[in-house]
Amino acid sequence: MPNKQVTALDNGTKLISFIVPFYNTPIDMLSQCIESILSLPLSPDEREIILIDDGSNPSPKKAIERFRHSVVYIRTLHQGVSEARNTGLQMANGQYIQFIDGDDYLISEGYSHCIALMRQRQADLILFNHTCNNKTAHTPYREEEAESGCMYMLKHNIRGAVWGYAFRRDVLKTLRFTKGVRYGEDEEFTPQLILQAGKTIHTTATAYFYRQHSMSALHISNVQERLNENLNVILRLKQTCQTKKGIEAEALERRVAQLTMDYLYNALTHLPSFPQIEKRVKALTEQGLFPLPYRNYTLKYKWFRRITLSRFGRKLLYALLPKNV
């Protein structure tokens, strides 16, 4: 298979471009991912599958030869998932974009419902549910009233994972993933994309299977390094807030506050000593991120803010919360 395999995929604009970045992904998982896309109610002229091999060793090109007429295969130097996704975006031809991690797969029934929403309601962005349980039972799907991405983000906590939604390619504008970010690249990209979306629909359809396994970044990442990169993502989003006005600024401020709360929670549950946590709190304070803003976002947010205001409250949480050290 050549590095760029293009056959019937060059017939004009597709309905959906599926971008699949991967690195050293087991062949059986990658094959299952591709097969899940091919099983969807889409003709070859309506889909393109773009595989971005981020320098896997060895290359899986021969092992996936049977898919050669259905995929575009791009092999790059190992530069990380942000660059792999940007390469996929550069190649994409579809009206809609769907990211899929190479070790995950789409759930046919749920994602077929999302395709129907694309066809029938012409949404700019569709948010759907995911599962880690392969025994998920079907339940009737529900959709919230369509609203702008800005209004949705102003009223809801969003999930950062980039594979958790499908979006129109033209919503992107010039937005891309920040180069070199190893942890939290989704968290920087997603709120900015949603903020740019017009007609946004959230469906309860479970359309994505997220596979948790020992090679996931969550399990192998260095905690200190991950917290540092997460903080940098929060700070860049905070800077972006300063370029927005009105409800756009309010919506992004909510996301910054939510990510800061998550950052502090991760510090409390992953760092091995309380002085290290207080050092992180000091850094947040110096950057104007702590104390958390006084807002009625959610009950969990209000209580977490109140408890973490004092050193005693933080020490109490450190003692009570389960540790992942």
Protein backbone atom coordinates (compact mmCIF):
# COMPACT_ATOMS: atom_id res chain seq x y z
CA MET A 1 0.00 0.00 0.00
CA PRO A 2 1.51 3.37 -0.92
CA ASN A 3 1.84 5.98 1.79
CA LYS A 4 -1.05 7.89 0.26
CA GLN A 5 -3.67 5.46 -1.01
CA VAL A 6 -6.34 7.31 -3.00
CA THR A 7 -8.82 5.40 -5.14
CA ALA A 8 -12.56 6.12 -5.19
CA LEU A 9 -12.04 8.74 -2.48
CA ASP A 10 -11.34 11.56 -4.96
CA ASN A 11 -14.87 11.97 -6.31
CA GLY A 12 -15.62 15.33 -4.71
CA THR A 13 -16.77 16.42 -1.30
CA LYS A 14 -17.72 13.58 1.04
CA LEU A 15 -20.29 13.74 3.79
CA ILE A 16 -17.82 12.74 6.52
CA SER A 17 -14.05 12.58 6.83
CA PHE A 18 -13.01 10.11 9.53
CA ILE A 19 -9.55 11.04 10.82
CA VAL A 20 -7.80 8.18 12.63
CA PRO A 21 -4.43 9.08 14.20
CA PHE A 22 -2.49 6.19 15.72
CA TYR A 23 0.93 5.18 16.98
CA ASN A 24 1.96 1.56 17.58
CA THR A 25 -1.68 0.57 17.89
CA PRO A 26 -2.28 -3.21 17.88
CA ILE A 27 -3.45 -4.33 14.44
CA ASP A 28 -6.60 -6.01 15.74
CA MET A 29 -7.72 -2.77 17.40
CA LEU A 30 -6.91 -0.65 14.34
CA SER A 31 -8.76 -3.10 12.11
CA GLN A 32 -11.80 -3.02 14.39
CA CYS A 33 -11.74 0.77 14.23
CA ILE A 34 -11.71 0.77 10.41
CA GLU A 35 -14.39 -1.93 10.21
CA SER A 36 -16.67 0.07 12.51
CA ILE A 37 -16.53 2.97 10.04
CA LEU A 38 -17.13 0.74 7.03
CA SER A 39 -20.23 -0.73 8.71
CA LEU A 40 -21.98 2.65 8.86
CA PRO A 41 -24.82 3.50 6.44
CA LEU A 42 -22.56 5.51 4.15
CA SER A 43 -21.66 4.78 0.55
CA PRO A 44 -17.99 4.94 -0.51
CA ASP A 45 -18.76 8.29 -2.15
CA GLU A 46 -20.01 9.68 1.16
CA ARG A 47 -17.05 8.83 3.38
CA GLU A 48 -13.29 9.01 3.51
CA ILE A 49 -11.12 7.31 6.10
CA ILE A 50 -7.80 9.05 6.69
CA LEU A 51 -5.31 6.98 8.66
CA ILE A 52 -2.47 9.05 10.11
CA ASP A 53 0.34 6.71 11.16
CA ASP A 54 2.47 8.80 13.53
CA GLY A 55 5.66 6.85 12.84
CA SER A 56 4.62 3.43 14.16
CA ASN A 57 7.40 0.87 14.48
CA PRO A 58 6.93 -1.34 12.61
CA SER A 59 4.65 0.16 10.00
CA PRO A 60 1.25 -1.60 9.86
CA LYS A 61 0.90 -0.94 6.12
CA LYS A 62 1.03 -4.59 5.05
CA ALA A 63 -1.18 -5.74 7.91
CA ILE A 64 -4.01 -3.44 6.78
CA GLU A 65 -3.56 -4.11 3.07
CA ARG A 66 -7.11 -5.48 2.84
CA PHE A 67 -8.47 -1.96 3.45
CA ARG A 68 -6.42 -0.37 0.66
CA HIS A 69 -9.45 0.56 -1.47
CA SER A 70 -11.26 2.17 1.44
CA VAL A 71 -8.65 4.31 3.18
CA VAL A 72 -6.09 7.05 2.73
CA TYR A 73 -2.91 6.00 4.55
CA ILE A 74 -0.44 8.71 5.58
CA ARG A 75 2.78 7.86 7.38
CA THR A 76 4.63 10.67 9.16
CA LEU A 77 7.57 11.07 11.47
CA HIS A 78 6.66 10.58 15.12
CA GLN A 79 5.61 14.10 16.16
CA GLY A 80 2.70 13.45 18.48
CA VAL A 81 -1.08 13.33 18.25
CA SER A 82 -1.54 17.10 17.76
CA GLU A 83 0.51 17.12 14.57
CA ALA A 84 -1.11 13.87 13.40
CA ARG A 85 -4.56 15.39 13.78
CA ASN A 86 -3.49 18.59 12.01
CA THR A 87 -2.22 16.46 9.11
CA GLY A 88 -5.60 14.77 8.96
CA LEU A 89 -7.40 18.11 8.93
CA GLN A 90 -5.20 19.27 6.07
CA MET A 91 -6.16 16.18 4.07
CA ALA A 92 -9.88 16.14 4.95
CA ASN A 93 -12.41 16.67 2.19
CA GLY A 94 -15.69 15.96 3.98
CA GLN A 95 -18.48 18.30 4.98
CA TYR A 96 -18.13 16.88 8.50
CA ILE A 97 -15.09 15.80 10.49
CA GLN A 98 -15.01 12.89 12.95
CA PHE A 99 -11.87 12.08 14.90
CA ILE A 100 -11.39 8.51 16.13
CA ASP A 101 -8.43 7.22 18.11
CA GLY A 102 -6.99 4.15 16.42
CA ASP A 103 -7.63 1.88 19.39
CA ASP A 104 -11.30 2.90 19.73
CA TYR A 105 -14.27 2.33 17.45
CA LEU A 106 -17.69 3.69 16.50
CA ILE A 107 -20.90 2.05 17.66
CA SER A 108 -22.97 1.56 14.53
CA GLU A 109 -26.48 2.08 15.86
CA GLY A 110 -25.65 5.21 17.82
CA TYR A 111 -23.46 6.79 15.17
CA SER A 112 -26.04 6.04 12.46
CA HIS A 113 -28.39 8.26 14.45
CA CYS A 114 -25.76 11.02 14.35
CA ILE A 115 -25.53 10.63 10.56
CA ALA A 116 -29.30 11.07 10.37
CA LEU A 117 -28.96 14.31 12.34
CA MET A 118 -26.36 15.53 9.85
CA ARG A 119 -28.61 14.75 6.92
CA GLN A 120 -31.91 15.95 8.36
CA ARG A 121 -31.01 18.84 10.65
CA GLN A 122 -27.84 20.21 9.08
CA ALA A 123 -26.17 20.75 12.44
CA ASP A 124 -22.83 22.51 12.69
CA LEU A 125 -21.80 20.33 15.63
CA ILE A 126 -23.26 17.12 17.10
CA LEU A 127 -22.27 15.98 20.59
CA PHE A 128 -22.92 12.34 21.48
CA ASN A 129 -22.26 9.90 24.32
CA HIS A 130 -19.52 7.31 24.65
CA THR A 131 -19.09 4.11 26.62
CA CYS A 132 -16.36 1.81 27.91
CA ASN A 133 -18.88 -1.02 28.24
CA ASN A 134 -19.40 -3.26 25.22
CA LYS A 135 -22.73 -4.48 26.60
CA THR A 136 -24.51 -1.16 26.25
CA ALA A 137 -28.26 -1.61 25.80
CA HIS A 138 -30.26 0.49 23.37
CA THR A 139 -32.37 3.27 24.84
CA PRO A 140 -34.51 5.79 22.93
CA TYR A 141 -32.43 8.75 21.78
CA ARG A 142 -33.21 12.27 22.90
CA GLU A 143 -31.93 15.58 21.59
CA GLU A 144 -31.84 18.94 23.28
CA GLU A 145 -33.12 21.94 21.37
CA ALA A 146 -30.52 23.18 18.92
CA GLU A 147 -28.64 26.27 20.03
CA SER A 148 -25.37 27.99 19.26
CA GLY A 149 -22.19 26.39 20.53
CA CYS A 150 -21.56 29.48 22.61
CA MET A 151 -24.91 29.20 24.41
CA TYR A 152 -24.43 25.47 24.92
CA MET A 153 -21.04 26.00 26.53
CA LEU A 154 -22.37 28.83 28.67
CA LYS A 155 -24.95 26.48 30.22
CA HIS A 156 -23.17 23.11 30.29
CA ASN A 157 -19.96 21.48 31.35
CA ILE A 158 -18.47 20.07 28.18
CA ARG A 159 -16.30 17.00 27.61
CA GLY A 160 -12.94 17.84 26.17
CA ALA A 161 -12.30 14.65 24.19
CA VAL A 162 -12.09 15.58 20.52
CA TRP A 163 -13.67 12.29 19.46
CA GLY A 164 -16.87 13.10 21.36
CA TYR A 165 -18.51 15.09 18.58
CA ALA A 166 -18.79 15.50 14.82
CA PHE A 167 -18.51 18.97 13.32
CA ARG A 168 -18.72 20.78 10.02
CA ARG A 169 -15.30 21.33 8.52
CA ASP A 170 -16.00 25.00 7.82
CA VAL A 171 -16.59 25.64 11.54
CA LEU A 172 -12.84 25.15 12.03
CA LYS A 173 -11.78 28.32 10.24
CA THR A 174 -8.08 28.63 11.15
CA LEU A 175 -8.28 26.61 14.38
CA ARG A 176 -5.73 23.81 14.72
CA PHE A 177 -4.16 21.77 17.52
CA THR A 178 -1.22 23.42 19.27
CA LYS A 179 2.01 21.76 18.20
CA GLY A 180 4.05 19.90 20.77
CA VAL A 181 1.30 19.46 23.37
CA ARG A 182 1.34 15.90 24.69
CA TYR A 183 -1.34 16.13 27.38
CA GLY A 184 -4.50 18.23 27.18
CA GLU A 185 -4.45 19.11 23.48
CA ASP A 186 -8.16 18.25 23.28
CA GLU A 187 -8.98 20.56 26.18
CA GLU A 188 -7.52 23.53 24.32
CA PHE A 189 -9.06 22.71 20.96
CA THR A 190 -12.60 21.68 21.93
CA PRO A 191 -13.92 24.82 23.70
CA GLN A 192 -12.63 27.05 20.93
CA LEU A 193 -14.30 24.89 18.28
CA ILE A 194 -17.63 24.77 20.12
CA LEU A 195 -17.49 28.53 20.59
CA GLN A 196 -17.29 28.92 16.79
CA ALA A 197 -20.16 26.51 16.05
CA GLY A 198 -23.60 27.69 15.08
CA LYS A 199 -26.36 25.07 15.25
CA THR A 200 -25.29 22.67 18.00
CA ILE A 201 -27.20 19.51 18.96
CA HIS A 202 -26.56 17.19 21.88
CA THR A 203 -27.93 13.67 21.48
CA THR A 204 -28.05 10.90 24.07
CA ALA A 205 -27.04 8.38 21.39
CA THR A 206 -24.07 6.29 22.51
CA ALA A 207 -21.92 6.41 19.39
CA TYR A 208 -18.32 5.85 20.48
CA PHE A 209 -16.48 3.08 22.29
CA TYR A 210 -13.52 4.36 24.29
CA ARG A 211 -11.07 1.63 25.08
CA GLN A 212 -9.23 1.90 28.40
CA HIS A 213 -6.01 -0.09 28.52
CA SER A 214 -2.56 0.00 30.04
CA MET A 215 -0.97 1.94 27.19
CA SER A 216 -3.33 4.91 27.48
CA ALA A 217 -1.63 8.24 28.13
CA LEU A 218 -3.49 8.46 31.44
CA HIS A 219 -1.62 5.43 32.74
CA ILE A 220 1.88 6.13 31.49
CA SER A 221 2.14 9.92 31.80
CA ASN A 222 4.44 11.65 34.24
CA VAL A 223 2.16 13.42 36.73
CA GLN A 224 4.28 16.55 37.13
CA GLU A 225 4.73 16.92 33.38
CA ARG A 226 1.04 16.39 32.75
CA LEU A 227 0.03 18.98 35.35
CA ASN A 228 2.48 21.47 33.84
CA GLU A 229 1.05 21.03 30.36
CA ASN A 230 -2.52 21.18 31.67
CA LEU A 231 -1.73 24.48 33.35
CA ASN A 232 -0.25 25.85 30.12
CA VAL A 233 -3.44 24.89 28.27
CA ILE A 234 -5.56 26.68 30.89
CA LEU A 235 -3.39 29.79 30.64
CA ARG A 236 -3.67 29.89 26.85
CA LEU A 237 -7.45 29.60 27.09
CA LYS A 238 -7.44 32.37 29.70
CA GLN A 239 -5.55 34.56 27.24
CA THR A 240 -8.11 33.72 24.54
CA CYS A 241 -10.86 34.84 26.95
CA GLN A 242 -9.36 38.31 26.88
CA THR A 243 -9.98 38.52 23.12
CA LYS A 244 -13.70 37.69 23.51
CA LYS A 245 -16.64 39.80 24.57
CA GLY A 246 -20.09 39.26 26.06
CA ILE A 247 -21.43 35.73 26.28
CA GLU A 248 -18.48 34.33 24.31
CA ALA A 249 -16.14 35.50 27.06
CA GLU A 250 -18.52 34.19 29.75
CA ALA A 251 -18.76 30.78 28.07
CA LEU A 252 -14.99 30.42 27.79
CA GLU A 253 -14.50 31.68 31.36
CA ARG A 254 -16.76 28.87 32.54
CA ARG A 255 -14.59 26.34 30.73
CA VAL A 256 -11.41 27.84 32.20
CA ALA A 257 -12.91 27.59 35.70
CA GLN A 258 -13.96 23.97 35.10
CA LEU A 259 -10.50 23.02 33.84
CA THR A 260 -8.89 24.76 36.81
CA MET A 261 -11.12 22.77 39.16
CA ASP A 262 -10.15 19.55 37.35
CA TYR A 263 -6.48 20.55 37.56
CA LEU A 264 -6.70 21.08 41.32
CA TYR A 265 -8.63 17.81 41.78
CA ASN A 266 -5.93 15.94 39.83
CA ALA A 267 -3.24 17.54 41.98
CA LEU A 268 -5.08 16.45 45.14
CA THR A 269 -5.42 12.85 43.94
CA HIS A 270 -2.13 12.33 42.10
CA LEU A 271 0.60 14.27 43.91
CA PRO A 272 2.39 12.35 46.68
CA SER A 273 2.57 15.13 49.29
CA PHE A 274 0.46 18.02 50.52
CA PRO A 275 3.30 20.61 50.19
CA GLN A 276 3.43 19.82 46.46
CA ILE A 277 -0.29 20.57 46.25
CA GLU A 278 0.17 23.90 48.04
CA LYS A 279 2.92 24.77 45.57
CA ARG A 280 0.43 24.18 42.73
CA VAL A 281 -2.19 26.32 44.50
CA LYS A 282 0.36 29.13 44.80
CA ALA A 283 1.08 28.94 41.07
CA LEU A 284 -2.64 29.13 40.29
CA THR A 285 -2.98 32.14 42.58
CA GLU A 286 -0.10 33.95 40.88
CA GLN A 287 -1.79 33.42 37.50
CA GLY A 288 -5.16 34.74 38.70
CA LEU A 289 -6.82 31.32 38.49
CA PHE A 290 -7.31 30.77 42.23
CA PRO A 291 -9.53 31.11 44.17
CA LEU A 292 -12.00 29.71 41.68
CA PRO A 293 -14.53 32.32 40.46
CA TYR A 294 -17.70 32.63 42.52
CA ARG A 295 -20.25 31.19 40.08
CA ASN A 296 -23.24 28.87 40.33
CA TYR A 297 -22.09 26.55 37.55
CA THR A 298 -22.94 23.26 39.26
CA LEU A 299 -23.47 22.06 42.82
CA LYS A 300 -20.18 20.13 42.65
CA TYR A 301 -18.36 23.25 41.50
CA LYS A 302 -19.84 25.41 44.29
CA TRP A 303 -18.89 22.94 47.03
CA PHE A 304 -15.43 22.28 45.63
CA ARG A 305 -14.77 26.03 45.42
CA ARG A 306 -15.94 26.57 48.99
CA ILE A 307 -13.89 23.73 50.47
CA THR A 308 -10.68 24.57 48.62
CA LEU A 309 -10.73 28.22 49.67
CA SER A 310 -8.92 27.36 52.91
CA ARG A 311 -5.76 25.40 53.54
CA PHE A 312 -7.68 23.30 56.06
CA GLY A 313 -10.29 22.42 53.42
CA ARG A 314 -7.63 21.42 50.90
CA LYS A 315 -5.88 19.30 53.51
CA LEU A 316 -9.18 17.63 54.36
CA LEU A 317 -9.79 16.79 50.69
CA TYR A 318 -6.25 15.49 50.35
CA ALA A 319 -6.89 13.12 53.27
CA LEU A 320 -10.29 11.96 52.08
CA LEU A 321 -10.03 11.69 48.30
CA PRO A 322 -8.84 8.36 46.82
CA LYS A 323 -5.22 8.50 45.68
CA ASN A 324 -3.85 7.61 42.25
CA VAL A 325 -0.20 8.02 43.18
